Amino acid sequence: MSGILCCVVSRGTTVLSRYAQCAGNFSEICGLVLVKIPPGDGKMSYSHGEFFYHYTSKQGIITLAISDSSFDQGTVFSFLDAVFDKFRLQYGSRAQTAIAYAMNTEFSLVIANEMKRANTKEEPDKISTLQDEVNQVKDIMVANIDVIMERGEKLDLLVDKTENLSANSSTFRTTSRNLQRSMWWKNMKLTIGAAVGVVVFLYIIIALSCGGLAWQNCV
């Protein structure tokens, strides 16, 4: 399995949404990397063995992606920018106070779609590839992640590359059902609230026409 393997959207070390296209100890690894990211806006890539850890930090929100080392760096950062833009548009200031995984049910589907789009992107010609790399990653530092790890900390990403497509499809369907159920309840609450409002409004109108709340002139 190649390409982008996992993506996390967080506020500092508080993970708000996460999606992985295969099984692995991504939560543990992302936690170790997030705590090392300095405050303020910026972007960077860390290398470790056969994996790269790319992140962007904007407006207090970190988008972090794990990819295999052979995957195009420019494509990863385009993916991170797309995820951040959609997250900011959908949640805005709510992200600054949300609890851990508050957006995961809804936004993990968005991450999954963007990841699929990035991983299945058609191979560009060599000139386009070189130009994209120059334009998108010329200001991005790449360092070995070992330099920011404390003594004794291990960053061994264990990825189950035999994870089959049916397992991923099952997870995606489960998440979709949860989202549909959540949206149904939201719509139901709005419908009930509107109905109650109409009943109260009609009662007030009739009461005013009948001389008061006891309807003296109409009973």
N, C-alpha and C. Protein backbone atom coordinates (compact mmCIF):
# COMPACT_ATOMS: atom_id res chain seq x y z
N MET A 1 0.85 -1.19 0.00
CA MET A 1 0.00 0.00 0.00
C MET A 1 0.88 1.24 0.00
N SER A 2 0.61 2.18 -0.90
CA SER A 2 1.45 3.37 -1.02
C SER A 2 0.59 4.61 -1.03
N GLY A 3 1.26 5.77 -1.11
CA GLY A 3 0.55 7.04 -1.12
C GLY A 3 0.40 7.59 0.28
N ILE A 4 -0.66 8.37 0.47
CA ILE A 4 -0.97 8.94 1.78
C ILE A 4 -1.70 7.87 2.59
N LEU A 5 -1.19 7.57 3.77
CA LEU A 5 -1.74 6.49 4.57
C LEU A 5 -2.69 6.97 5.65
N CYS A 6 -2.42 8.15 6.20
CA CYS A 6 -3.21 8.64 7.33
C CYS A 6 -3.18 10.16 7.34
N CYS A 7 -4.26 10.76 7.83
CA CYS A 7 -4.31 12.21 7.98
C CYS A 7 -5.03 12.56 9.28
N VAL A 8 -4.51 13.57 9.96
CA VAL A 8 -5.07 14.03 11.22
C VAL A 8 -5.28 15.54 11.14
N VAL A 9 -6.41 16.02 11.64
CA VAL A 9 -6.65 17.44 11.81
C VAL A 9 -6.74 17.69 13.31
N SER A 10 -5.94 18.62 13.81
CA SER A 10 -5.90 18.82 15.26
C SER A 10 -5.76 20.30 15.61
N ARG A 11 -6.11 20.60 16.85
CA ARG A 11 -5.82 21.90 17.44
C ARG A 11 -4.74 21.64 18.49
N GLY A 12 -3.50 21.94 18.12
CA GLY A 12 -2.39 21.54 18.98
C GLY A 12 -2.32 20.03 19.03
N THR A 13 -2.35 19.47 20.21
CA THR A 13 -2.32 18.01 20.35
C THR A 13 -3.72 17.41 20.48
N THR A 14 -4.76 18.23 20.40
CA THR A 14 -6.13 17.74 20.48
C THR A 14 -6.62 17.35 19.09
N VAL A 15 -6.72 16.07 18.84
CA VAL A 15 -7.15 15.57 17.53
C VAL A 15 -8.65 15.79 17.37
N LEU A 16 -9.03 16.46 16.29
CA LEU A 16 -10.44 16.75 16.02
C LEU A 16 -11.04 15.77 15.02
N SER A 17 -10.20 15.29 14.10
CA SER A 17 -10.68 14.31 13.13
C SER A 17 -9.48 13.55 12.59
N ARG A 18 -9.73 12.27 12.22
CA ARG A 18 -8.63 11.44 11.72
C ARG A 18 -9.19 10.39 10.77
N TYR A 19 -8.39 10.05 9.76
CA TYR A 19 -8.76 8.95 8.87
C TYR A 19 -7.49 8.24 8.42
N ALA A 20 -7.53 6.91 8.40
CA ALA A 20 -6.42 6.10 7.90
C ALA A 20 -6.96 5.11 6.89
N GLN A 21 -6.23 4.91 5.80
CA GLN A 21 -6.72 4.00 4.76
C GLN A 21 -6.28 2.56 5.01
N CYS A 22 -5.55 2.31 6.08
CA CYS A 22 -5.15 0.96 6.42
C CYS A 22 -4.94 0.87 7.93
N ALA A 23 -4.78 -0.34 8.44
CA ALA A 23 -4.60 -0.53 9.87
C ALA A 23 -3.16 -0.21 10.27
N GLY A 24 -2.99 0.27 11.48
CA GLY A 24 -1.65 0.60 11.98
C GLY A 24 -1.75 1.38 13.27
N ASN A 25 -0.60 1.64 13.89
CA ASN A 25 -0.59 2.39 15.16
C ASN A 25 -0.51 3.89 14.91
N PHE A 26 -1.41 4.38 14.05
CA PHE A 26 -1.36 5.78 13.64
C PHE A 26 -1.66 6.74 14.79
N SER A 27 -2.60 6.40 15.66
CA SER A 27 -2.94 7.29 16.76
C SER A 27 -1.73 7.56 17.65
N GLU A 28 -1.03 6.50 17.96
CA GLU A 28 0.16 6.64 18.81
C GLU A 28 1.24 7.48 18.14
N ILE A 29 1.50 7.19 16.86
CA ILE A 29 2.56 7.90 16.14
C ILE A 29 2.19 9.36 15.95
N CYS A 30 0.95 9.64 15.56
CA CYS A 30 0.53 11.03 15.36
C CYS A 30 0.63 11.82 16.66
N GLY A 31 0.29 11.17 17.77
CA GLY A 31 0.43 11.85 19.06
C GLY A 31 1.86 12.25 19.36
N LEU A 32 2.81 11.37 19.04
CA LEU A 32 4.23 11.68 19.26
C LEU A 32 4.71 12.83 18.37
N VAL A 33 4.21 12.86 17.13
CA VAL A 33 4.64 13.91 16.20
C VAL A 33 3.98 15.24 16.55
N LEU A 34 2.68 15.24 16.85
CA LEU A 34 1.96 16.48 17.13
C LEU A 34 2.58 17.26 18.29
N VAL A 35 3.01 16.54 19.32
CA VAL A 35 3.54 17.22 20.49
C VAL A 35 4.88 17.91 20.19
N LYS A 36 5.52 17.54 19.09
CA LYS A 36 6.80 18.13 18.72
C LYS A 36 6.66 19.31 17.75
N ILE A 37 5.47 19.54 17.24
CA ILE A 37 5.28 20.63 16.27
C ILE A 37 5.25 21.96 17.00
N PRO A 38 6.11 22.90 16.63
CA PRO A 38 6.17 24.19 17.33
C PRO A 38 4.93 25.03 17.06
N PRO A 39 4.57 25.95 17.97
CA PRO A 39 3.41 26.81 17.76
C PRO A 39 3.65 27.78 16.60
N GLY A 40 2.58 28.33 16.09
CA GLY A 40 2.70 29.28 14.99
C GLY A 40 2.49 28.62 13.64
N ASP A 41 2.29 29.45 12.62
CA ASP A 41 2.08 28.95 11.27
C ASP A 41 3.38 28.41 10.68
N GLY A 42 3.26 27.39 9.85
CA GLY A 42 4.43 26.83 9.19
C GLY A 42 4.11 25.50 8.54
N LYS A 43 5.09 24.96 7.84
CA LYS A 43 4.94 23.65 7.22
C LYS A 43 6.30 22.98 7.17
N MET A 44 6.28 21.65 7.23
CA MET A 44 7.54 20.93 7.27
C MET A 44 7.29 19.45 6.99
N SER A 45 8.34 18.76 6.59
CA SER A 45 8.29 17.32 6.41
C SER A 45 9.39 16.67 7.23
N TYR A 46 9.04 15.59 7.91
CA TYR A 46 10.01 14.80 8.64
C TYR A 46 10.12 13.42 7.98
N SER A 47 11.32 12.93 7.89
CA SER A 47 11.52 11.59 7.34
C SER A 47 11.91 10.63 8.44
N HIS A 48 11.45 9.40 8.29
CA HIS A 48 11.82 8.36 9.26
C HIS A 48 11.64 7.01 8.58
N GLY A 49 12.74 6.38 8.26
CA GLY A 49 12.67 5.09 7.58
C GLY A 49 11.98 5.21 6.24
N GLU A 50 10.97 4.39 6.03
CA GLU A 50 10.26 4.39 4.74
C GLU A 50 9.05 5.32 4.73
N PHE A 51 8.90 6.15 5.76
CA PHE A 51 7.74 7.02 5.84
C PHE A 51 8.14 8.49 5.98
N PHE A 52 7.23 9.35 5.51
CA PHE A 52 7.37 10.79 5.68
C PHE A 52 6.19 11.30 6.50
N TYR A 53 6.45 12.32 7.34
CA TYR A 53 5.42 12.96 8.15
C TYR A 53 5.37 14.42 7.74
N HIS A 54 4.32 14.80 7.04
CA HIS A 54 4.18 16.16 6.52
C HIS A 54 3.13 16.90 7.33
N TYR A 55 3.36 18.18 7.60
CA TYR A 55 2.33 18.93 8.30
C TYR A 55 2.30 20.37 7.85
N THR A 56 1.12 20.97 7.97
CA THR A 56 0.96 22.42 7.84
C THR A 56 0.26 22.90 9.10
N SER A 57 0.61 24.09 9.54
CA SER A 57 -0.01 24.69 10.72
C SER A 57 -0.50 26.08 10.33
N LYS A 58 -1.82 26.28 10.38
CA LYS A 58 -2.41 27.56 10.00
C LYS A 58 -3.52 27.91 10.99
N GLN A 59 -3.50 29.13 11.47
CA GLN A 59 -4.58 29.66 12.31
C GLN A 59 -4.90 28.72 13.49
N GLY A 60 -3.86 28.11 14.04
CA GLY A 60 -4.04 27.25 15.20
C GLY A 60 -4.48 25.83 14.88
N ILE A 61 -4.65 25.51 13.60
CA ILE A 61 -5.07 24.17 13.18
C ILE A 61 -3.93 23.47 12.45
N ILE A 62 -3.64 22.25 12.88
CA ILE A 62 -2.58 21.44 12.26
C ILE A 62 -3.21 20.35 11.42
N THR A 63 -2.75 20.22 10.18
CA THR A 63 -3.12 19.08 9.36
C THR A 63 -1.85 18.27 9.13
N LEU A 64 -1.89 17.03 9.53
CA LEU A 64 -0.73 16.14 9.49
C LEU A 64 -1.04 14.92 8.64
N ALA A 65 -0.11 14.56 7.75
CA ALA A 65 -0.30 13.38 6.90
C ALA A 65 0.93 12.49 6.97
N ILE A 66 0.69 11.21 6.93
CA ILE A 66 1.77 10.22 6.87
C ILE A 66 1.72 9.57 5.49
N SER A 67 2.85 9.54 4.81
CA SER A 67 2.91 8.92 3.49
C SER A 67 4.15 8.06 3.39
N ASP A 68 4.17 7.19 2.37
CA ASP A 68 5.41 6.45 2.15
C ASP A 68 6.42 7.39 1.51
N SER A 69 7.70 7.07 1.66
CA SER A 69 8.77 8.00 1.28
C SER A 69 8.85 8.24 -0.22
N SER A 70 8.27 7.37 -1.02
CA SER A 70 8.36 7.53 -2.48
C SER A 70 7.25 8.41 -3.04
N PHE A 71 6.27 8.79 -2.22
CA PHE A 71 5.12 9.54 -2.72
C PHE A 71 5.50 11.01 -2.90
N ASP A 72 4.95 11.64 -3.94
CA ASP A 72 5.28 13.01 -4.28
C ASP A 72 4.94 13.99 -3.16
N GLN A 73 5.93 14.75 -2.75
CA GLN A 73 5.76 15.67 -1.63
C GLN A 73 4.78 16.79 -1.97
N GLY A 74 4.87 17.29 -3.19
CA GLY A 74 3.96 18.36 -3.60
C GLY A 74 2.51 17.94 -3.55
N THR A 75 2.23 16.70 -3.95
CA THR A 75 0.86 16.18 -3.90
C THR A 75 0.34 16.11 -2.47
N VAL A 76 1.22 15.73 -1.53
CA VAL A 76 0.81 15.64 -0.13
C VAL A 76 0.42 17.02 0.40
N PHE A 77 1.22 18.04 0.09
CA PHE A 77 0.91 19.37 0.61
C PHE A 77 -0.31 19.98 -0.07
N SER A 78 -0.55 19.63 -1.33
CA SER A 78 -1.79 20.06 -1.97
C SER A 78 -2.98 19.41 -1.27
N PHE A 79 -2.83 18.15 -0.91
CA PHE A 79 -3.86 17.42 -0.16
C PHE A 79 -4.10 18.08 1.20
N LEU A 80 -3.02 18.42 1.93
CA LEU A 80 -3.17 19.05 3.24
C LEU A 80 -3.86 20.40 3.13
N ASP A 81 -3.53 21.17 2.11
CA ASP A 81 -4.18 22.47 1.91
C ASP A 81 -5.67 22.29 1.64
N ALA A 82 -6.02 21.29 0.83
CA ALA A 82 -7.42 21.04 0.51
C ALA A 82 -8.20 20.63 1.76
N VAL A 83 -7.60 19.77 2.58
CA VAL A 83 -8.25 19.33 3.82
C VAL A 83 -8.46 20.51 4.77
N PHE A 84 -7.42 21.35 4.92
CA PHE A 84 -7.53 22.50 5.81
C PHE A 84 -8.62 23.46 5.34
N ASP A 85 -8.65 23.75 4.04
CA ASP A 85 -9.64 24.69 3.50
C ASP A 85 -11.06 24.19 3.74
N LYS A 86 -11.29 22.91 3.52
CA LYS A 86 -12.62 22.35 3.73
C LYS A 86 -12.98 22.33 5.22
N PHE A 87 -12.01 22.05 6.07
CA PHE A 87 -12.25 22.03 7.52
C PHE A 87 -12.59 23.43 8.02
N ARG A 88 -11.83 24.42 7.60
CA ARG A 88 -12.09 25.80 8.02
C ARG A 88 -13.45 26.28 7.53
N LEU A 89 -13.79 25.95 6.29
CA LEU A 89 -15.07 26.36 5.72
C LEU A 89 -16.23 25.71 6.47
N GLN A 90 -16.08 24.46 6.87
CA GLN A 90 -17.16 23.72 7.50
C GLN A 90 -17.34 24.05 8.97
N TYR A 91 -16.24 24.33 9.69
CA TYR A 91 -16.34 24.48 11.14
C TYR A 91 -15.94 25.86 11.67
N GLY A 92 -15.13 26.61 10.94
CA GLY A 92 -14.78 27.96 11.37
C GLY A 92 -14.24 28.03 12.77
N SER A 93 -14.78 28.95 13.58
CA SER A 93 -14.30 29.18 14.94
C SER A 93 -14.64 28.05 15.90
N ARG A 94 -15.57 27.16 15.52
CA ARG A 94 -15.92 26.05 16.40
C ARG A 94 -14.71 25.17 16.72
N ALA A 95 -13.76 25.12 15.80
CA ALA A 95 -12.59 24.26 16.00
C ALA A 95 -11.72 24.73 17.17
N GLN A 96 -11.84 26.00 17.55
CA GLN A 96 -11.00 26.54 18.61
C GLN A 96 -11.43 26.09 20.01
N THR A 97 -12.64 25.57 20.13
CA THR A 97 -13.13 25.16 21.45
C THR A 97 -13.65 23.72 21.47
N ALA A 98 -13.61 23.03 20.34
CA ALA A 98 -14.17 21.68 20.25
C ALA A 98 -13.34 20.69 21.05
N ILE A 99 -14.02 19.66 21.57
CA ILE A 99 -13.33 18.61 22.30
C ILE A 99 -12.73 17.61 21.31
N ALA A 100 -11.92 16.70 21.80
CA ALA A 100 -11.23 15.73 20.95
C ALA A 100 -12.24 14.91 20.14
N TYR A 101 -11.96 14.75 18.86
CA TYR A 101 -12.75 13.95 17.92
C TYR A 101 -14.18 14.46 17.74
N ALA A 102 -14.42 15.72 18.07
CA ALA A 102 -15.77 16.28 17.95
C ALA A 102 -16.26 16.29 16.50
N MET A 103 -15.35 16.44 15.55
CA MET A 103 -15.73 16.52 14.14
C MET A 103 -15.48 15.22 13.39
N ASN A 104 -15.09 14.17 14.08
CA ASN A 104 -14.60 12.98 13.39
C ASN A 104 -15.69 12.27 12.58
N THR A 105 -16.90 12.18 13.12
CA THR A 105 -17.95 11.45 12.42
C THR A 105 -18.22 12.03 11.04
N GLU A 106 -18.29 13.34 10.96
CA GLU A 106 -18.58 13.99 9.68
C GLU A 106 -17.33 14.18 8.83
N PHE A 107 -16.26 14.71 9.45
CA PHE A 107 -15.15 15.16 8.63
C PHE A 107 -14.22 14.03 8.19
N SER A 108 -14.24 12.89 8.86
CA SER A 108 -13.40 11.78 8.41
C SER A 108 -13.77 11.34 6.99
N LEU A 109 -15.05 11.51 6.63
CA LEU A 109 -15.49 11.20 5.27
C LEU A 109 -14.87 12.16 4.26
N VAL A 110 -14.76 13.43 4.65
CA VAL A 110 -14.14 14.42 3.77
C VAL A 110 -12.66 14.08 3.58
N ILE A 111 -11.97 13.74 4.68
CA ILE A 111 -10.55 13.36 4.57
C ILE A 111 -10.41 12.14 3.67
N ALA A 112 -11.30 11.15 3.84
CA ALA A 112 -11.22 9.94 3.03
C ALA A 112 -11.36 10.26 1.54
N ASN A 113 -12.30 11.14 1.19
CA ASN A 113 -12.49 11.51 -0.21
C ASN A 113 -11.28 12.23 -0.78
N GLU A 114 -10.73 13.17 -0.01
CA GLU A 114 -9.55 13.91 -0.47
C GLU A 114 -8.34 12.99 -0.59
N MET A 115 -8.21 12.04 0.34
CA MET A 115 -7.09 11.10 0.29
C MET A 115 -7.19 10.21 -0.94
N LYS A 116 -8.40 9.74 -1.22
CA LYS A 116 -8.60 8.91 -2.42
C LYS A 116 -8.25 9.68 -3.67
N ARG A 117 -8.67 10.96 -3.71
CA ARG A 117 -8.39 11.79 -4.88
C ARG A 117 -6.88 11.99 -5.06
N ALA A 118 -6.16 12.23 -3.95
CA ALA A 118 -4.72 12.45 -4.04
C ALA A 118 -3.98 11.17 -4.42
N ASN A 119 -4.42 10.05 -3.87
CA ASN A 119 -3.72 8.79 -4.12
C ASN A 119 -3.98 8.20 -5.50
N THR A 120 -5.07 8.61 -6.13
CA THR A 120 -5.41 8.08 -7.45
C THR A 120 -5.18 9.11 -8.54
N LYS A 121 -4.51 10.17 -8.20
CA LYS A 121 -4.22 11.22 -9.18
C LYS A 121 -3.38 10.66 -10.31
N GLU A 122 -3.74 11.01 -11.53
CA GLU A 122 -2.99 10.51 -12.68
C GLU A 122 -1.55 11.00 -12.64
N GLU A 123 -0.66 10.13 -13.09
CA GLU A 123 0.75 10.45 -13.09
C GLU A 123 1.03 11.58 -14.08
N PRO A 124 1.55 12.74 -13.63
CA PRO A 124 1.83 13.84 -14.55
C PRO A 124 3.11 13.59 -15.32
N ASP A 125 3.32 14.37 -16.37
CA ASP A 125 4.57 14.23 -17.11
C ASP A 125 5.73 14.76 -16.27
N LYS A 126 6.96 14.44 -16.66
CA LYS A 126 8.12 14.75 -15.84
C LYS A 126 8.33 16.25 -15.66
N ILE A 127 8.07 17.02 -16.72
CA ILE A 127 8.27 18.47 -16.62
C ILE A 127 7.28 19.07 -15.63
N SER A 128 6.01 18.64 -15.69
CA SER A 128 5.00 19.14 -14.75
C SER A 128 5.34 18.75 -13.33
N THR A 129 5.82 17.53 -13.17
CA THR A 129 6.19 17.07 -11.83
C THR A 129 7.29 17.93 -11.24
N LEU A 130 8.32 18.19 -12.02
CA LEU A 130 9.44 19.01 -11.53
C LEU A 130 8.97 20.42 -11.20
N GLN A 131 8.13 20.99 -12.06
CA GLN A 131 7.66 22.35 -11.83
C GLN A 131 6.80 22.43 -10.57
N ASP A 132 5.92 21.44 -10.37
CA ASP A 132 5.08 21.40 -9.17
C ASP A 132 5.92 21.30 -7.92
N GLU A 133 6.96 20.47 -7.95
CA GLU A 133 7.82 20.31 -6.79
C GLU A 133 8.52 21.63 -6.45
N VAL A 134 8.98 22.33 -7.49
CA VAL A 134 9.65 23.61 -7.26
C VAL A 134 8.70 24.62 -6.65
N ASN A 135 7.47 24.69 -7.19
CA ASN A 135 6.50 25.69 -6.74
C ASN A 135 5.96 25.40 -5.35
N GLN A 136 5.74 24.13 -5.02
CA GLN A 136 5.02 23.81 -3.80
C GLN A 136 5.91 23.47 -2.61
N VAL A 137 7.13 23.02 -2.84
CA VAL A 137 7.93 22.57 -1.71
C VAL A 137 9.25 23.31 -1.57
N LYS A 138 9.41 24.40 -2.30
CA LYS A 138 10.69 25.10 -2.25
C LYS A 138 10.95 25.73 -0.88
N ASP A 139 9.89 26.02 -0.12
CA ASP A 139 10.06 26.64 1.20
C ASP A 139 9.86 25.64 2.34
N ILE A 140 9.77 24.36 2.03
CA ILE A 140 9.49 23.36 3.05
C ILE A 140 10.77 22.64 3.45
N MET A 141 11.08 22.69 4.72
CA MET A 141 12.25 21.99 5.23
C MET A 141 11.94 20.51 5.37
N VAL A 142 12.95 19.69 5.13
CA VAL A 142 12.85 18.26 5.35
C VAL A 142 13.95 17.86 6.32
N ALA A 143 13.57 17.24 7.40
CA ALA A 143 14.56 16.83 8.41
C ALA A 143 14.23 15.42 8.87
N ASN A 144 15.24 14.75 9.38
CA ASN A 144 14.99 13.44 9.97
C ASN A 144 14.32 13.64 11.31
N ILE A 145 13.22 12.93 11.52
CA ILE A 145 12.43 13.17 12.72
C ILE A 145 13.15 12.75 13.99
N ASP A 146 14.20 11.95 13.86
CA ASP A 146 14.95 11.53 15.04
C ASP A 146 15.53 12.72 15.81
N VAL A 147 15.75 13.84 15.09
CA VAL A 147 16.38 14.98 15.76
C VAL A 147 15.45 15.65 16.76
N ILE A 148 14.13 15.43 16.67
CA ILE A 148 13.21 16.07 17.61
C ILE A 148 12.68 15.09 18.65
N MET A 149 13.06 13.85 18.54
CA MET A 149 12.61 12.85 19.50
C MET A 149 13.48 12.88 20.75
N GLU A 150 12.84 12.74 21.89
CA GLU A 150 13.58 12.66 23.14
C GLU A 150 14.25 11.30 23.24
N ARG A 151 15.30 11.23 24.07
CA ARG A 151 16.00 9.97 24.24
C ARG A 151 15.04 8.91 24.79
N GLY A 152 15.06 7.76 24.16
CA GLY A 152 14.20 6.67 24.59
C GLY A 152 12.87 6.59 23.86
N GLU A 153 12.47 7.70 23.17
CA GLU A 153 11.23 7.68 22.41
C GLU A 153 11.43 6.92 21.10
N LYS A 154 10.48 6.08 20.77
CA LYS A 154 10.57 5.32 19.55
C LYS A 154 9.42 5.69 18.62
N LEU A 155 9.74 5.86 17.36
CA LEU A 155 8.73 6.24 16.37
C LEU A 155 8.68 5.16 15.30
N ASP A 156 8.20 4.02 15.67
CA ASP A 156 8.12 2.89 14.75
C ASP A 156 6.68 2.73 14.29
N LEU A 157 6.43 3.14 13.06
CA LEU A 157 5.09 3.04 12.50
C LEU A 157 4.87 1.63 12.00
N LEU A 158 3.86 0.99 12.53
CA LEU A 158 3.53 -0.38 12.14
C LEU A 158 2.27 -0.33 11.27
N VAL A 159 2.42 -0.65 10.01
CA VAL A 159 1.32 -0.57 9.07
C VAL A 159 1.00 -1.97 8.55
N ASP A 160 -0.25 -2.33 8.64
CA ASP A 160 -0.71 -3.60 8.10
C ASP A 160 -1.00 -3.41 6.62
N LYS A 161 -0.03 -3.71 5.77
CA LYS A 161 -0.18 -3.49 4.34
C LYS A 161 -1.01 -4.58 3.66
N THR A 162 -1.43 -5.57 4.43
CA THR A 162 -2.27 -6.62 3.85
C THR A 162 -3.74 -6.33 4.06
N GLU A 163 -4.03 -5.19 4.69
CA GLU A 163 -5.44 -4.82 4.93
C GLU A 163 -6.18 -4.79 3.60
N ASN A 164 -7.26 -5.56 3.49
CA ASN A 164 -7.95 -5.66 2.21
C ASN A 164 -8.99 -4.57 2.03
N LEU A 165 -9.44 -4.45 0.80
CA LEU A 165 -10.35 -3.36 0.45
C LEU A 165 -11.69 -3.52 1.12
N SER A 166 -12.13 -4.74 1.35
CA SER A 166 -13.44 -4.95 1.96
C SER A 166 -13.49 -4.40 3.37
N ALA A 167 -12.39 -4.52 4.10
CA ALA A 167 -12.35 -3.98 5.47
C ALA A 167 -12.48 -2.47 5.44
N ASN A 168 -11.77 -1.83 4.51
CA ASN A 168 -11.86 -0.38 4.39
C ASN A 168 -13.26 0.05 3.97
N SER A 169 -13.88 -0.72 3.07
CA SER A 169 -15.22 -0.39 2.62
C SER A 169 -16.22 -0.51 3.76
N SER A 170 -16.03 -1.54 4.60
CA SER A 170 -16.92 -1.72 5.74
C SER A 170 -16.83 -0.55 6.70
N THR A 171 -15.60 -0.11 6.98
CA THR A 171 -15.41 1.04 7.87
C THR A 171 -16.05 2.29 7.29
N PHE A 172 -15.88 2.47 5.98
CA PHE A 172 -16.43 3.65 5.32
C PHE A 172 -17.96 3.64 5.38
N ARG A 173 -18.56 2.44 5.16
CA ARG A 173 -20.02 2.34 5.20
C ARG A 173 -20.55 2.62 6.60
N THR A 174 -19.83 2.11 7.62
CA THR A 174 -20.25 2.34 9.00
C THR A 174 -20.23 3.83 9.32
N THR A 175 -19.17 4.50 8.91
CA THR A 175 -19.05 5.94 9.15
C THR A 175 -20.15 6.70 8.42
N SER A 176 -20.46 6.25 7.20
CA SER A 176 -21.52 6.90 6.41
C SER A 176 -22.87 6.77 7.10
N ARG A 177 -23.14 5.55 7.63
CA ARG A 177 -24.41 5.35 8.32
C ARG A 177 -24.52 6.23 9.56
N ASN A 178 -23.42 6.34 10.29
CA ASN A 178 -23.42 7.20 11.48
C ASN A 178 -23.70 8.65 11.11
N LEU A 179 -23.11 9.10 10.00
CA LEU A 179 -23.34 10.47 9.56
C LEU A 179 -24.79 10.68 9.15
N GLN A 180 -25.35 9.70 8.41
CA GLN A 180 -26.75 9.82 7.99
C GLN A 180 -27.69 9.86 9.19
N ARG A 181 -27.40 9.03 10.19
CA ARG A 181 -28.24 8.99 11.40
C ARG A 181 -28.17 10.33 12.14
N SER A 182 -26.95 10.90 12.21
CA SER A 182 -26.76 12.18 12.88
C SER A 182 -27.52 13.29 12.16
N MET A 183 -27.45 13.31 10.82
CA MET A 183 -28.14 14.34 10.05
C MET A 183 -29.65 14.17 10.17
N TRP A 184 -30.16 12.90 10.23
CA TRP A 184 -31.59 12.66 10.37
C TRP A 184 -32.11 13.23 11.67
N TRP A 185 -31.36 13.02 12.77
CA TRP A 185 -31.78 13.55 14.07
C TRP A 185 -31.78 15.08 14.05
N LYS A 186 -30.78 15.68 13.40
CA LYS A 186 -30.75 17.14 13.32
C LYS A 186 -31.98 17.67 12.59
N ASN A 187 -32.31 17.04 11.46
CA ASN A 187 -33.48 17.47 10.69
C ASN A 187 -34.77 17.26 11.47
N MET A 188 -34.85 16.15 12.20
CA MET A 188 -36.04 15.86 13.00
C MET A 188 -36.22 16.91 14.09
N LYS A 189 -35.13 17.28 14.77
CA LYS A 189 -35.22 18.29 15.82
C LYS A 189 -35.67 19.63 15.25
N LEU A 190 -35.16 19.98 14.05
CA LEU A 190 -35.58 21.24 13.42
C LEU A 190 -37.06 21.20 13.07
N THR A 191 -37.53 20.05 12.55
CA THR A 191 -38.94 19.91 12.18
C THR A 191 -39.85 20.03 13.40
N ILE A 192 -39.49 19.33 14.48
CA ILE A 192 -40.29 19.40 15.71
C ILE A 192 -40.30 20.81 16.27
N GLY A 193 -39.15 21.47 16.26
CA GLY A 193 -39.07 22.83 16.76
C GLY A 193 -39.93 23.79 15.96
N ALA A 194 -39.93 23.62 14.63
CA ALA A 194 -40.75 24.47 13.77
C ALA A 194 -42.24 24.23 14.04
N ALA A 195 -42.63 22.96 14.22
CA ALA A 195 -44.03 22.64 14.48
C ALA A 195 -44.51 23.24 15.80
N VAL A 196 -43.66 23.12 16.83
CA VAL A 196 -44.02 23.70 18.13
C VAL A 196 -44.15 25.21 18.02
N GLY A 197 -43.27 25.83 17.27
CA GLY A 197 -43.32 27.27 17.09
C GLY A 197 -44.61 27.72 16.41
N VAL A 198 -45.04 26.96 15.40
CA VAL A 198 -46.28 27.30 14.68
C VAL A 198 -47.49 27.17 15.61
N VAL A 199 -47.51 26.09 16.44
CA VAL A 199 -48.63 25.89 17.37
C VAL A 199 -48.70 27.03 18.38
N VAL A 200 -47.56 27.41 18.93
CA VAL A 200 -47.53 28.51 19.91
C VAL A 200 -47.98 29.81 19.28
N PHE A 201 -47.51 30.06 18.06
CA PHE A 201 -47.88 31.29 17.36
C PHE A 201 -49.40 31.35 17.12
N LEU A 202 -50.00 30.24 16.67
CA LEU A 202 -51.44 30.20 16.42
C LEU A 202 -52.23 30.38 17.72
N TYR A 203 -51.73 29.78 18.80
CA TYR A 203 -52.41 29.91 20.09
C TYR A 203 -52.44 31.37 20.55
N ILE A 204 -51.30 32.05 20.36
CA ILE A 204 -51.23 33.46 20.78
C ILE A 204 -52.19 34.31 19.95
N ILE A 205 -52.25 34.07 18.64
CA ILE A 205 -53.13 34.83 17.76
C ILE A 205 -54.59 34.63 18.17
N ILE A 206 -54.96 33.36 18.41
CA ILE A 206 -56.35 33.07 18.80
C ILE A 206 -56.67 33.68 20.16
N ALA A 207 -55.71 33.62 21.10
CA ALA A 207 -55.92 34.17 22.44
C ALA A 207 -56.15 35.67 22.37
N LEU A 208 -55.38 36.37 21.54
CA LEU A 208 -55.55 37.81 21.39
C LEU A 208 -56.92 38.14 20.80
N SER A 209 -57.38 37.29 19.89
CA SER A 209 -58.68 37.54 19.25
C SER A 209 -59.84 37.22 20.20
N CYS A 210 -59.59 36.37 21.18
CA CYS A 210 -60.65 35.93 22.08
C CYS A 210 -60.59 36.59 23.44
N GLY A 211 -59.85 37.66 23.58
CA GLY A 211 -59.86 38.43 24.80
C GLY A 211 -58.91 37.99 25.89
N GLY A 212 -57.98 37.10 25.58
CA GLY A 212 -56.99 36.69 26.59
C GLY A 212 -56.67 35.23 26.51
N LEU A 213 -55.74 34.81 27.38
CA LEU A 213 -55.29 33.42 27.35
C LEU A 213 -56.40 32.43 27.70
N ALA A 214 -57.41 32.90 28.47
CA ALA A 214 -58.51 32.00 28.83
C ALA A 214 -59.60 31.93 27.76
N TRP A 215 -59.44 32.72 26.67
CA TRP A 215 -60.39 32.75 25.55
C TRP A 215 -61.79 33.13 26.05
N GLN A 216 -61.90 34.19 26.88
CA GLN A 216 -63.19 34.56 27.48
C GLN A 216 -64.27 34.84 26.44
N ASN A 217 -63.93 35.51 25.36
CA ASN A 217 -64.91 35.92 24.38
C ASN A 217 -65.27 34.82 23.39
N CYS A 218 -64.58 33.71 23.47
CA CYS A 218 -64.83 32.64 22.47
C CYS A 218 -65.38 31.37 23.10
N VAL A 219 -65.44 31.31 24.42
CA VAL A 219 -65.91 30.09 25.10
C VAL A 219 -67.32 30.30 25.64
